[in-house]
Protein backbone atom coordinates (compact mmCIF):
# COMPACT_ATOMS: atom_id res chain seq x y z
CA MET A 1 16.31 39.51 -7.13
CA ALA A 2 17.14 36.99 -9.95
CA SER A 3 18.01 37.83 -13.10
CA LEU A 4 15.65 37.41 -15.82
CA LYS A 5 18.09 34.97 -17.42
CA GLU A 6 17.33 33.19 -13.76
CA LEU A 7 13.98 33.24 -14.63
CA LYS A 8 13.48 31.86 -17.43
CA ASN A 9 15.05 29.09 -16.90
CA ARG A 10 13.33 28.43 -13.84
CA ILE A 11 10.40 29.11 -15.54
CA ALA A 12 11.41 26.47 -18.41
CA SER A 13 12.08 23.94 -15.41
CA VAL A 14 8.61 24.02 -13.53
CA ARG A 15 7.09 24.55 -17.04
CA SER A 16 8.98 21.04 -17.74
CA THR A 17 8.65 19.28 -14.80
CA GLN A 18 5.13 20.05 -15.21
CA LYS A 19 5.02 18.24 -18.35
CA ILE A 20 6.54 15.26 -16.69
CA THR A 21 4.01 14.87 -13.42
CA LYS A 22 1.12 15.64 -16.36
CA ALA A 23 2.04 12.22 -17.85
CA MET A 24 2.51 10.40 -15.37
CA GLN A 25 -0.68 11.09 -14.60
CA MET A 26 -2.10 9.91 -17.75
CA VAL A 27 -0.35 6.34 -17.26
CA ALA A 28 -1.52 5.93 -13.42
CA ALA A 29 -5.07 6.74 -14.54
CA ALA A 30 -4.57 4.49 -17.09
CA LYS A 31 -3.54 2.01 -15.29
CA LEU A 32 -5.70 2.46 -12.44
CA ARG A 33 -9.25 0.99 -14.05
CA ARG A 34 -6.79 -2.37 -14.84
CA ALA A 35 -5.83 -2.68 -11.09
CA GLN A 36 -9.43 -1.65 -9.91
CA ASP A 37 -10.99 -3.90 -11.84
CA ALA A 38 -8.54 -6.84 -10.67
CA ALA A 39 -8.89 -5.57 -6.83
CA VAL A 40 -13.01 -5.39 -7.39
CA ALA A 41 -13.02 -9.05 -9.01
CA SER A 42 -10.51 -10.34 -5.91
CA ARG A 43 -13.28 -9.42 -3.05
CA PRO A 44 -16.36 -11.71 -3.84
CA TYR A 45 -13.94 -14.60 -4.01
CA THR A 46 -11.98 -13.58 -1.10
CA GLU A 47 -15.80 -13.14 1.30
CA ARG A 48 -16.80 -15.98 0.35
CA MET A 49 -13.51 -18.13 0.95
CA GLY A 50 -13.85 -16.50 4.55
CA ARG A 51 -17.80 -17.28 4.71
CA VAL A 52 -17.21 -21.16 4.14
CA ILE A 53 -13.54 -21.13 6.40
CA ASN A 54 -16.83 -19.66 9.68
CA ASN A 55 -18.94 -22.22 8.59
CA LEU A 56 -16.85 -25.31 9.00
CA ALA A 57 -14.96 -23.84 11.92
CA ARG A 58 -18.15 -23.99 13.71
CA GLY A 59 -18.46 -27.72 12.81
CA VAL A 60 -15.04 -28.67 14.35
CA ALA A 61 -15.58 -26.12 17.01
CA GLY A 62 -14.19 -27.88 20.26
CA ARG A 63 -12.76 -30.87 18.54
CA GLU A 64 -9.11 -32.45 18.94
CA GLY A 65 -6.31 -31.74 16.30
CA VAL A 66 -7.98 -29.09 14.59
CA SER A 67 -5.53 -27.22 12.96
CA PRO A 68 -2.78 -24.62 13.95
CA LEU A 69 -3.76 -21.79 11.37
CA LEU A 70 -7.32 -21.95 13.19
CA GLY A 71 -6.55 -22.79 16.90
CA GLY A 72 -3.39 -21.00 16.24
CA THR A 73 -0.17 -22.49 18.54
CA GLY A 74 -1.65 -21.50 22.32
CA ARG A 75 0.98 -18.41 22.54
CA ASP A 76 1.26 -15.28 21.88
CA GLN A 77 4.79 -14.39 21.92
CA VAL A 78 5.88 -13.88 18.70
CA HIS A 79 4.35 -11.65 15.94
CA LEU A 80 5.34 -11.46 12.08
CA LEU A 81 4.05 -8.64 10.48
CA VAL A 82 4.14 -8.33 6.65
CA VAL A 83 3.96 -5.06 5.92
CA ALA A 84 3.06 -4.74 1.28
CA THR A 85 3.93 -1.63 -0.09
CA ALA A 86 4.96 0.06 -3.12
CA GLU A 87 8.23 -0.55 -5.49
CA ARG A 88 8.40 3.02 -6.42
CA GLY A 89 7.49 6.53 -4.41
CA LEU A 90 5.54 9.31 -5.92
CA CYS A 91 2.06 8.10 -5.30
CA GLY A 92 1.09 10.35 -2.29
CA GLY A 93 1.09 9.31 1.43
CA PHE A 94 0.48 5.70 0.60
CA ASN A 95 3.86 4.05 0.86
CA SER A 96 3.91 6.04 4.39
CA SER A 97 0.73 6.04 6.07
CA ILE A 98 1.16 1.86 5.87
CA ALA A 99 4.40 2.58 7.45
CA ARG A 100 2.96 4.58 10.13
CA LEU A 101 0.29 2.01 10.60
CA THR A 102 2.97 -0.55 11.04
CA ARG A 103 4.71 1.41 13.67
CA GLU A 104 1.68 2.14 15.62
CA HIS A 105 1.28 -2.12 16.02
CA ILE A 106 5.29 -2.82 16.37
CA GLU A 107 5.36 -0.03 19.40
CA ARG A 108 2.19 -1.25 21.13
CA LEU A 109 3.33 -5.06 20.84
CA LYS A 110 6.62 -3.80 22.74
CA ARG A 111 5.36 -2.52 24.92
CA GLU A 112 2.97 -5.47 25.63
CA GLY A 113 6.84 -7.81 25.96
CA LYS A 114 5.90 -8.92 22.57
CA THR A 115 8.58 -10.24 19.70
CA VAL A 116 8.54 -8.63 16.54
CA LYS A 117 9.37 -9.92 13.19
CA ILE A 118 8.89 -8.08 9.95
CA LEU A 119 8.71 -9.39 6.65
CA CYS A 120 8.85 -6.57 3.57
CA VAL A 121 6.40 -7.06 0.71
CA GLY A 122 7.84 -4.34 -1.74
CA ARG A 123 11.08 -2.24 -1.12
CA LYS A 124 9.30 1.25 0.03
CA GLY A 125 8.00 -0.83 3.29
CA ARG A 126 11.70 -1.73 4.32
CA ASP A 127 13.31 1.72 3.52
CA ALA A 128 10.58 3.56 5.77
CA LEU A 129 10.67 0.98 8.55
CA LYS A 130 15.12 -0.03 8.18
CA ARG A 131 15.82 3.11 10.66
CA LEU A 132 13.94 1.80 13.52
CA TYR A 133 13.82 -1.40 13.43
CA GLY A 134 16.42 -2.48 10.95
CA ASN A 135 16.74 -5.16 13.33
CA LEU A 136 13.12 -6.71 12.89
CA ILE A 137 13.85 -7.26 9.84
CA ILE A 138 13.61 -11.20 8.29
CA ASP A 139 13.87 -10.59 4.23
CA THR A 140 12.24 -8.06 1.81
CA ILE A 141 10.06 -9.86 -0.79
CA GLU A 142 10.94 -7.47 -3.50
CA HIS A 143 8.42 -7.34 -7.29
CA ASN A 144 10.04 -5.07 -9.37
CA ASN A 145 10.05 -6.85 -12.52
CA VAL A 146 6.62 -7.85 -12.26
CA ARG A 147 3.99 -5.75 -14.29
CA ASN A 148 0.81 -7.77 -12.98
CA ILE A 149 0.17 -8.84 -9.63
CA GLY A 150 -0.38 -13.01 -9.72
CA PHE A 151 -1.79 -15.12 -7.47
CA ALA A 152 1.66 -17.14 -8.36
CA ASN A 153 3.27 -13.97 -6.20
CA ALA A 154 0.71 -14.21 -3.68
CA ALA A 155 1.37 -17.99 -2.84
CA ALA A 156 4.78 -17.22 -2.91
CA VAL A 157 4.55 -15.36 -0.07
CA GLY A 158 2.16 -17.44 1.50
CA ASP A 159 4.54 -20.55 1.29
CA ARG A 160 6.92 -18.57 3.24
CA VAL A 161 5.04 -17.27 6.04
CA LEU A 162 3.60 -21.22 6.37
CA ALA A 163 6.68 -22.40 6.10
CA MET A 164 7.99 -19.61 8.95
CA TYR A 165 5.22 -21.25 11.04
CA GLU A 166 5.26 -24.88 10.64
CA ALA A 167 9.08 -23.81 11.90
CA GLY A 168 7.85 -22.43 15.03
CA GLU A 169 9.48 -19.06 13.87
CA PHE A 170 5.86 -16.87 14.66
CA ASP A 171 2.73 -17.45 16.81
CA VAL A 172 0.57 -14.40 15.23
CA CYS A 173 0.65 -13.39 11.58
CA THR A 174 -0.52 -9.90 10.51
CA LEU A 175 -0.78 -8.31 7.29
CA PHE A 176 -0.84 -4.50 6.69
CA PHE A 177 -2.09 -2.90 3.48
CA SER A 178 -4.02 -0.52 2.08
CA ARG A 179 -7.46 -0.83 1.54
CA PHE A 180 -8.50 0.63 -2.16
CA ARG A 181 -11.81 2.86 -1.59
CA SER A 182 -11.39 5.93 -3.85
CA VAL A 183 -9.12 7.76 -5.98
CA ILE A 184 -8.70 10.23 -2.94
CA LEU A 185 -9.48 7.71 0.14
CA GLN A 186 -7.42 4.24 0.40
CA ILE A 187 -7.31 2.60 3.72
CA PRO A 188 -4.51 1.58 5.69
CA THR A 189 -5.62 -2.14 7.19
CA ALA A 190 -4.70 -4.57 9.37
CA ALA A 191 -5.41 -7.95 9.27
CA GLN A 192 -4.72 -10.90 10.94
CA LEU A 193 -4.00 -14.00 8.60
CA ILE A 194 -2.47 -16.36 11.30
CA PRO A 195 -4.69 -17.88 13.46
CA ILE A 196 -7.38 -16.90 11.66
CA ASP A 197 -9.58 -14.40 13.58
CA LEU A 198 -12.85 -15.67 12.59
CA SER A 199 -14.61 -12.68 14.21
CA THR A 200 -13.38 -9.92 11.40
CA VAL A 201 -14.39 -12.49 8.75
CA ALA A 202 -16.76 -11.43 6.40
CA GLY A 203 -20.20 -12.76 6.91
CA ASP A 204 -20.61 -15.55 9.54
CA GLY A 205 -21.94 -18.77 8.05
CA ALA A 206 -25.67 -17.24 7.91
CA ASP A 207 -26.24 -17.16 4.54
CA THR A 208 -26.89 -20.76 3.80
CA GLY A 209 -30.87 -20.49 4.36
CA GLY A 210 -31.68 -22.89 7.18
CA ALA A 211 -30.10 -25.65 5.18
CA ALA A 212 -27.61 -28.05 7.20
CA TYR A 213 -24.56 -29.46 4.76
CA GLU A 214 -22.90 -32.54 5.66
CA TYR A 215 -19.53 -32.91 4.34
CA GLU A 216 -17.42 -35.15 2.73
CA PRO A 217 -15.32 -35.43 3.82
CA ASP A 218 -15.09 -33.90 6.86
CA GLU A 219 -15.25 -30.52 8.42
CA ALA A 220 -11.13 -30.60 9.78
CA GLU A 221 -10.35 -32.31 6.72
CA ILE A 222 -11.42 -29.05 4.41
CA LEU A 223 -10.11 -27.37 6.76
CA ALA A 224 -6.79 -28.45 6.92
CA ASP A 225 -6.29 -27.94 2.49
CA LEU A 226 -8.50 -24.82 2.87
CA LEU A 227 -6.62 -23.19 5.58
CA PRO A 228 -3.26 -22.82 3.55
CA ARG A 229 -4.56 -21.79 0.02
CA ASN A 230 -7.00 -19.51 2.07
CA VAL A 231 -3.61 -17.35 3.54
CA SER A 232 -2.41 -17.08 -0.53
CA VAL A 233 -5.73 -16.14 -1.26
CA GLN A 234 -6.16 -12.94 1.45
CA ILE A 235 -2.15 -11.90 0.46
CA PHE A 236 -3.40 -11.82 -3.08
CA GLY A 237 -6.18 -10.09 -2.17
CA ALA A 238 -4.13 -7.56 0.31
CA LEU A 239 -1.64 -6.78 -2.93
CA LEU A 240 -4.24 -6.42 -5.72
CA GLU A 241 -5.75 -3.78 -3.16
CA ASN A 242 -2.34 -2.44 -2.57
CA ALA A 243 -1.52 -1.58 -6.99
CA ALA A 244 -4.68 -0.07 -6.55
CA SER A 245 -4.16 1.95 -4.22
CA GLU A 246 -0.42 3.04 -5.34
CA GLN A 247 -2.20 4.20 -8.38
CA GLY A 248 -4.74 6.13 -7.06
CA ALA A 249 -3.43 7.73 -4.59
CA ARG A 250 0.22 8.10 -7.56
CA MET A 251 -2.82 10.05 -10.04
CA SER A 252 -4.16 11.74 -7.38
CA ALA A 253 -0.22 13.35 -6.09
CA MET A 254 0.74 13.79 -9.71
CA ASP A 255 -2.82 15.81 -9.95
CA ASN A 256 -1.75 17.82 -7.12
CA ALA A 257 1.93 18.41 -8.31
CA THR A 258 0.81 19.13 -11.75
CA ARG A 259 -1.61 21.74 -10.37
CA ASN A 260 1.43 23.36 -8.19
CA ALA A 261 3.76 23.74 -11.21
CA GLY A 262 0.75 26.04 -12.65
CA ASP A 263 0.47 28.28 -9.96
CA MET A 264 4.13 28.14 -9.78
CA ILE A 265 5.09 29.65 -13.21
CA GLN A 266 2.21 32.42 -12.68
CA LYS A 267 4.07 33.41 -9.80
CA LEU A 268 7.17 33.01 -11.54
CA ASN A 269 6.22 34.54 -15.05
CA LEU A 270 4.50 37.54 -13.19
CA THR A 271 7.95 37.84 -11.19
CA TYR A 272 9.27 37.90 -14.45
CA ASN A 273 7.60 40.68 -16.37
CA ARG A 274 7.99 43.18 -13.01
CA THR A 275 11.69 42.13 -13.45
CA ARG A 276 11.33 42.90 -17.18
CA GLN A 277 9.48 45.85 -16.65
CA ALA A 278 11.41 47.46 -14.27
CA SER A 279 14.75 46.59 -16.69
CA ILE A 280 13.69 48.59 -19.20
CA THR A 281 12.72 51.57 -16.77
CA LYS A 282 15.41 51.89 -15.10
CA GLU A 283 17.23 52.04 -18.63
CA LEU A 284 14.85 54.74 -19.88
CA ILE A 285 15.45 56.46 -16.77
CA GLU A 286 19.53 56.37 -17.91
CA ILE A 287 18.94 57.11 -21.36
CA ILE A 288 17.27 60.33 -20.04
CA SER A 289 19.42 61.80 -17.43
CA GLY A 290 22.58 61.42 -20.25
CA ALA A 291 20.78 63.32 -22.88
CA GLU A 292 19.77 65.84 -20.32
CA ALA A 293 23.72 65.68 -19.20
CA LEU A 294 24.42 66.88 -22.96
């Protein structure tokens, strides 16, 4: 059995941990509000761009010379997986859930005989995947020194992906991230970036009220400029969703840790009081036994 001093030291240690987790919970709650507002504000822009691209794509259907970002390379052999996770831990199952979805996707592609490449955006994704798939990771883009994710950060990732696509390094690109729903619910998501999957684009282009539009310049020329921009926009939206999901998961995890620390302190206090009572009782018995012996 632990001594009274050991129990007292452990109670003090757990109480200190509880103060830290409580502080982290409050910080995450403050950051969550800003991150959630940014993620929610980006959704209408992302969805509207999807509708516009869908509408334009229908206009160029069947034409020759369509952008490869829309029509693809004609092959489906090499897949690039862009895995967006956090730079830090202590956020529950946020990072592990994205990594789990990525692993399932990798195993499915490998069973089909496909070649897989992984581009990690965030240190935790690399740490979770490198043990099994370290040879598939081509690079890691870290945002350690970035306090608030901006479009420039997403554009840098988008430019890297587009440069690889133009160089013929992959045929299909899929983005993995966590979509924010609430503090207790973040949904791991896989979205195909290249070629754009029109079946999953928000809206179907039918929100035009039946009006016919004429584009100047024509649809193909607009798409040639819009599709590369859409890659960065989709990545930016995913990074904002990730930021909100990370803070929500961290807030929930730290709240659970604070509650668990409280329960542990109660149990340790009970053990401490019982041990102290037993020690006092033993001392009294020794005193009484000594007195009777005299």
